[in-house]
């Protein structure tokens, strides 16, 4: 609709929170009833929607505020620009319910890590920073802190202190992008993943975390699935891959975790109490 009739698309609302994440009740029901094909389609639909946010023919602007968790965070990360309220509590919290970000969040963090690699950097250290943002389910306590976690990007995203002006500003940025001659970005196929080298480091790390009783066995299982995605699989050497390749890995990992009893226990506990279960 926006592509046909409008200059751009602004995603925002005036509720207390922007989005507290995906409908985990629906995911729980599908997983319990073992409707894995339907669940796979639902996740793919969400991933495709996020990719449409990024690769639409009109500019997209997200205006998050308050709680912006999980899927709400993923949506913001896929917009052309984020105009965030200063009081935005944003992060990828999927670990708390026993899964990894499945709507493009894991892919996007891998892509951003790849874009941050510089000639003299130790690339593994850069990737580890992005891995930990998801693995520790970090939530920024303000939009400013979100830049440190790689969830918001310097030079692209901005923070608005006056929340009453937020939607108006988001709208004016969408118009500005359009008037500057917005062209649809080209899908990325140049994302550098580190393969076995990174995977090995992550697996050693999660082993020692479990041995030191910092994380549970199930935490380790989730972390290892995320490691597999962010390393681009067990490729024998660093390789350039596409977004689609990473999205498929991400979806596979998400689905496999939905078959785990301990993940279902985590989701159920979150639905009942609103608090994460450490099992």
Protein backbone atom coordinates (compact mmCIF):
# COMPACT_ATOMS: atom_id res chain seq x y z
CA UNK A 1 0.00 0.00 0.00
CA UNK A 2 2.74 2.45 1.01
CA UNK A 3 4.74 1.56 -2.10
CA UNK A 4 1.76 2.18 -4.37
CA UNK A 5 0.32 5.36 -2.88
CA UNK A 6 2.70 7.05 -0.45
CA UNK A 7 6.14 8.64 -0.18
CA UNK A 8 7.27 6.43 2.67
CA UNK A 9 6.27 4.32 5.66
CA UNK A 10 6.56 5.24 9.34
CA UNK A 11 6.04 2.48 11.91
CA UNK A 12 5.09 3.84 15.31
CA UNK A 13 2.28 4.01 17.85
CA UNK A 14 1.20 5.98 20.88
CA UNK A 15 0.72 3.10 23.27
CA UNK A 16 2.84 2.72 26.42
CA UNK A 17 5.27 0.48 24.53
CA UNK A 18 6.33 0.14 20.91
CA UNK A 19 6.30 -3.68 21.00
CA UNK A 20 7.03 -6.25 23.69
CA UNK A 21 7.90 -8.84 21.05
CA UNK A 22 6.39 -11.68 19.08
CA UNK A 23 3.27 -13.54 20.13
CA UNK A 24 4.99 -16.29 22.13
CA UNK A 25 1.59 -17.77 23.03
CA UNK A 26 1.02 -18.60 19.37
CA UNK A 27 4.55 -20.03 19.03
CA UNK A 28 3.96 -22.12 22.17
CA UNK A 29 0.66 -23.54 20.86
CA UNK A 30 2.16 -24.47 17.49
CA UNK A 31 5.21 -26.04 19.10
CA UNK A 32 3.19 -28.03 21.66
CA UNK A 33 0.90 -29.32 18.92
CA UNK A 34 4.00 -30.05 16.81
CA UNK A 35 2.67 -28.00 13.90
CA UNK A 36 6.22 -27.43 12.70
CA UNK A 37 5.33 -26.70 9.07
CA UNK A 38 2.95 -23.94 10.15
CA UNK A 39 5.54 -22.60 12.59
CA UNK A 40 8.19 -22.61 9.87
CA UNK A 41 5.83 -20.68 7.57
CA UNK A 42 4.99 -18.18 10.32
CA UNK A 43 8.68 -17.48 11.01
CA UNK A 44 9.46 -17.24 7.30
CA UNK A 45 6.57 -14.79 6.88
CA UNK A 46 7.97 -12.63 9.68
CA UNK A 47 11.48 -12.77 8.20
CA UNK A 48 10.09 -11.83 4.77
CA UNK A 49 8.17 -8.91 6.32
CA UNK A 50 11.37 -7.62 7.91
CA UNK A 51 13.16 -7.91 4.56
CA UNK A 52 10.32 -5.95 2.93
CA UNK A 53 10.92 -3.20 5.51
CA UNK A 54 14.51 -2.95 4.32
CA UNK A 55 14.00 -3.59 0.61
CA UNK A 56 10.90 -1.60 -0.21
CA UNK A 57 10.74 0.98 -2.98
CA UNK A 58 9.85 3.71 -0.45
CA UNK A 59 11.85 4.72 2.65
CA UNK A 60 10.87 3.09 5.96
CA UNK A 61 11.30 4.78 9.34
CA UNK A 62 10.72 3.12 12.73
CA UNK A 63 9.77 5.21 15.77
CA UNK A 64 10.32 2.98 18.82
CA UNK A 65 9.66 4.06 22.41
CA UNK A 66 9.20 2.33 25.76
CA UNK A 67 9.66 -1.42 25.60
CA UNK A 68 10.95 -2.43 22.17
CA UNK A 69 11.84 -6.07 22.57
CA UNK A 70 12.43 -9.09 20.36
CA UNK A 71 10.41 -8.68 17.18
CA UNK A 72 9.92 -4.96 17.86
CA UNK A 73 13.69 -4.57 18.03
CA UNK A 74 14.12 -6.62 14.83
CA UNK A 75 11.62 -4.41 13.01
CA UNK A 76 13.53 -1.29 14.09
CA UNK A 77 16.83 -2.80 12.94
CA UNK A 78 15.42 -3.37 9.45
CA UNK A 79 14.10 0.17 8.89
CA UNK A 80 16.07 2.64 6.75
CA UNK A 81 16.21 4.95 9.75
CA UNK A 82 15.23 4.75 13.40
CA UNK A 83 13.89 7.84 15.17
CA UNK A 84 13.93 6.53 18.75
CA UNK A 85 12.51 8.17 21.85
CA UNK A 86 15.25 8.72 24.45
CA UNK A 87 13.37 6.39 26.80
CA UNK A 88 13.50 3.31 24.63
CA UNK A 89 14.27 -0.02 26.29
CA UNK A 90 15.38 -1.96 23.26
CA UNK A 91 17.02 -5.35 22.83
CA UNK A 92 16.88 -8.89 21.51
CA UNK A 93 15.56 -10.87 24.50
CA UNK A 94 14.73 -14.18 22.81
CA UNK A 95 17.27 -16.13 24.91
CA UNK A 96 14.99 -15.58 27.90
CA UNK A 97 12.32 -17.76 26.30
CA UNK A 98 14.75 -20.39 25.06
CA UNK A 99 15.11 -19.40 21.40
CA UNK A 100 17.31 -17.14 19.27
CA UNK A 101 16.08 -14.05 17.37
CA UNK A 102 14.18 -15.57 14.43
CA UNK A 103 12.85 -12.53 12.58
CA UNK A 104 16.13 -11.45 11.06
CA UNK A 105 17.76 -10.33 14.31
CA UNK A 106 20.49 -12.98 14.31
CA UNK A 107 21.15 -12.34 10.61
CA UNK A 108 21.27 -8.59 11.13
CA UNK A 109 23.74 -8.78 14.04
CA UNK A 110 25.98 -11.02 11.90
CA UNK A 111 25.73 -8.52 9.02
CA UNK A 112 26.54 -5.59 11.30
CA UNK A 113 29.52 -7.42 12.77
CA UNK A 114 30.76 -8.07 9.22
CA UNK A 115 30.35 -4.37 8.36
CA UNK A 116 32.37 -3.45 11.45
CA UNK A 117 35.36 -5.64 10.54
CA UNK A 118 38.35 -3.45 9.72
CA UNK A 119 41.69 -4.41 8.30
CA UNK A 120 43.61 -4.65 11.55
CA UNK A 121 40.74 -5.80 13.76
CA UNK A 122 40.67 -9.15 15.43
CA UNK A 123 37.45 -10.11 13.67
CA UNK A 124 36.56 -12.77 16.23
CA UNK A 125 36.45 -10.13 18.98
CA UNK A 126 34.11 -7.94 16.94
CA UNK A 127 31.81 -10.87 16.23
CA UNK A 128 31.87 -11.84 19.90
CA UNK A 129 30.56 -8.40 20.92
CA UNK A 130 27.52 -8.83 18.68
CA UNK A 131 27.09 -12.45 19.80
CA UNK A 132 27.01 -11.39 23.46
CA UNK A 133 24.40 -8.68 22.80
CA UNK A 134 22.00 -11.51 21.89
CA UNK A 135 23.45 -14.20 24.16
CA UNK A 136 23.11 -12.05 27.28
CA UNK A 137 19.69 -10.79 26.14
CA UNK A 138 20.97 -7.24 26.67
CA UNK A 139 18.29 -4.55 26.86
CA UNK A 140 19.46 -0.97 26.47
CA UNK A 141 18.22 1.23 29.32
CA UNK A 142 17.99 4.15 26.90
CA UNK A 143 18.19 4.76 23.17
CA UNK A 144 21.69 6.17 23.73
CA UNK A 145 22.93 2.89 25.16
CA UNK A 146 21.44 1.00 22.20
CA UNK A 147 24.20 2.45 20.02
CA UNK A 148 26.78 0.66 22.22
CA UNK A 149 25.02 -2.68 21.71
CA UNK A 150 24.94 -2.34 17.92
CA UNK A 151 21.13 -2.23 17.91
CA UNK A 152 21.08 1.40 16.75
CA UNK A 153 23.68 2.66 14.28
CA UNK A 154 25.65 5.89 14.49
CA UNK A 155 25.24 8.13 11.47
CA UNK A 156 21.92 6.52 10.53
CA UNK A 157 19.64 6.40 13.56
CA UNK A 158 18.75 9.31 15.83
CA UNK A 159 17.31 9.93 19.29
CA UNK A 160 14.46 12.34 20.07
CA UNK A 161 14.14 13.69 23.61
CA UNK A 162 10.65 15.17 23.21
CA UNK A 163 8.38 12.15 22.71
CA UNK A 164 5.48 14.35 21.56
CA UNK A 165 7.53 15.30 18.51
CA UNK A 166 8.68 11.78 17.71
CA UNK A 167 6.12 10.73 15.09
CA UNK A 168 6.20 14.13 13.40
CA UNK A 169 9.99 13.91 13.14
CA UNK A 170 9.86 10.33 11.88
CA UNK A 171 7.40 11.44 9.21
CA UNK A 172 9.58 14.37 8.16
CA UNK A 173 12.61 12.05 7.85
CA UNK A 174 10.62 9.62 5.68
CA UNK A 175 9.62 12.54 3.43
CA UNK A 176 13.17 13.86 3.35
CA UNK A 177 14.58 10.45 2.32
CA UNK A 178 11.95 10.27 -0.40
CA UNK A 179 12.64 13.79 -1.69
CA UNK A 180 16.38 13.13 -1.77
CA UNK A 181 15.66 10.49 -4.41
CA UNK A 182 15.35 7.26 -2.41
CA UNK A 183 16.38 4.15 -4.29
CA UNK A 184 15.65 0.63 -3.14
CA UNK A 185 18.79 -0.95 -1.64
CA UNK A 186 20.27 -4.07 -3.21
CA UNK A 187 20.08 -7.25 -1.13
CA UNK A 188 23.40 -8.08 0.47
CA UNK A 189 25.47 -11.06 -0.59
CA UNK A 190 28.80 -9.81 0.78
CA UNK A 191 28.45 -10.67 4.47
CA UNK A 192 31.70 -12.05 5.79
CA UNK A 193 31.24 -15.03 8.10
CA UNK A 194 34.14 -16.73 9.85
CA UNK A 195 32.98 -20.35 9.79
CA UNK A 196 34.75 -23.03 11.87
CA UNK A 197 37.26 -20.55 13.30
CA UNK A 198 34.48 -18.56 15.04
CA UNK A 199 32.34 -21.59 15.81
CA UNK A 200 35.23 -23.29 17.59
CA UNK A 201 35.89 -20.23 19.73
CA UNK A 202 32.22 -19.88 20.70
CA UNK A 203 31.85 -23.57 21.56
CA UNK A 204 34.93 -23.49 23.80
CA UNK A 205 33.51 -20.37 25.46
CA UNK A 206 30.09 -21.88 26.15
CA UNK A 207 31.70 -25.08 27.47
CA UNK A 208 33.75 -23.16 30.01
CA UNK A 209 30.73 -21.00 30.96
CA UNK A 210 28.75 -24.17 31.67
CA UNK A 211 31.66 -25.79 33.52
CA UNK A 212 31.90 -22.69 35.71
CA UNK A 213 28.14 -22.94 36.41
CA UNK A 214 27.53 -19.50 34.86
CA UNK A 215 25.01 -20.93 32.40
CA UNK A 216 22.78 -24.01 32.37
CA UNK A 217 23.04 -26.89 29.92
CA UNK A 218 20.06 -25.49 28.01
CA UNK A 219 21.60 -22.00 27.93
CA UNK A 220 24.63 -23.62 26.32
CA UNK A 221 22.46 -25.39 23.74
CA UNK A 222 20.80 -22.08 22.74
CA UNK A 223 24.14 -20.25 22.66
CA UNK A 224 25.66 -22.95 20.46
CA UNK A 225 22.74 -22.69 18.01
CA UNK A 226 23.26 -18.92 17.84
CA UNK A 227 27.01 -19.46 17.39
CA UNK A 228 26.31 -21.74 14.42
CA UNK A 229 24.17 -19.05 12.76
CA UNK A 230 26.56 -16.16 13.44
CA UNK A 231 29.57 -18.18 12.26
CA UNK A 232 27.67 -18.92 9.06
CA UNK A 233 27.73 -22.65 9.82
CA UNK A 234 30.83 -24.85 10.00
CA UNK A 235 32.43 -23.48 6.84
CA UNK A 236 36.09 -24.42 6.53
CA UNK A 237 37.23 -20.83 5.93
CA UNK A 238 35.89 -17.25 6.08
CA UNK A 239 33.33 -16.83 3.29
CA UNK A 240 31.01 -14.16 1.88
CA UNK A 241 27.35 -15.17 2.18
CA UNK A 242 23.92 -13.69 1.45
CA UNK A 243 21.24 -12.49 3.84
CA UNK A 244 18.97 -15.31 2.64
CA UNK A 245 21.62 -17.89 3.59
CA UNK A 246 21.80 -16.48 7.13
CA UNK A 247 18.01 -16.19 7.43
CA UNK A 248 17.65 -19.87 6.54
CA UNK A 249 20.22 -20.84 9.20
CA UNK A 250 18.46 -18.59 11.72
CA UNK A 251 15.04 -20.10 11.01
CA UNK A 252 16.40 -23.64 11.21
CA UNK A 253 17.96 -22.93 14.61
CA UNK A 254 14.78 -21.26 15.90
CA UNK A 255 12.62 -24.22 14.83
CA UNK A 256 14.96 -26.81 16.31
CA UNK A 257 14.86 -24.98 19.67
CA UNK A 258 11.05 -24.97 19.55
CA UNK A 259 11.17 -28.79 19.66
CA UNK A 260 13.06 -28.68 22.99
CA UNK A 261 11.05 -29.38 26.14
CA UNK A 262 13.12 -26.87 28.13
CA UNK A 263 12.37 -24.10 25.63
CA UNK A 264 8.65 -24.83 25.94
CA UNK A 265 8.99 -24.69 29.73
CA UNK A 266 10.65 -21.28 29.40
CA UNK A 267 7.92 -19.94 27.12
CA UNK A 268 5.19 -21.28 29.41
CA UNK A 269 6.85 -19.75 32.48
CA UNK A 270 7.16 -16.38 30.72
CA UNK A 271 3.47 -16.50 29.71
CA UNK A 272 2.42 -17.36 33.28
CA UNK A 273 4.69 -15.11 35.32
CA UNK A 274 6.19 -12.57 32.92
CA UNK A 275 9.63 -13.58 34.18
CA UNK A 276 12.33 -15.69 32.49
CA UNK A 277 12.92 -19.21 33.78
CA UNK A 278 16.51 -20.35 34.32
CA UNK A 279 16.32 -24.06 33.58
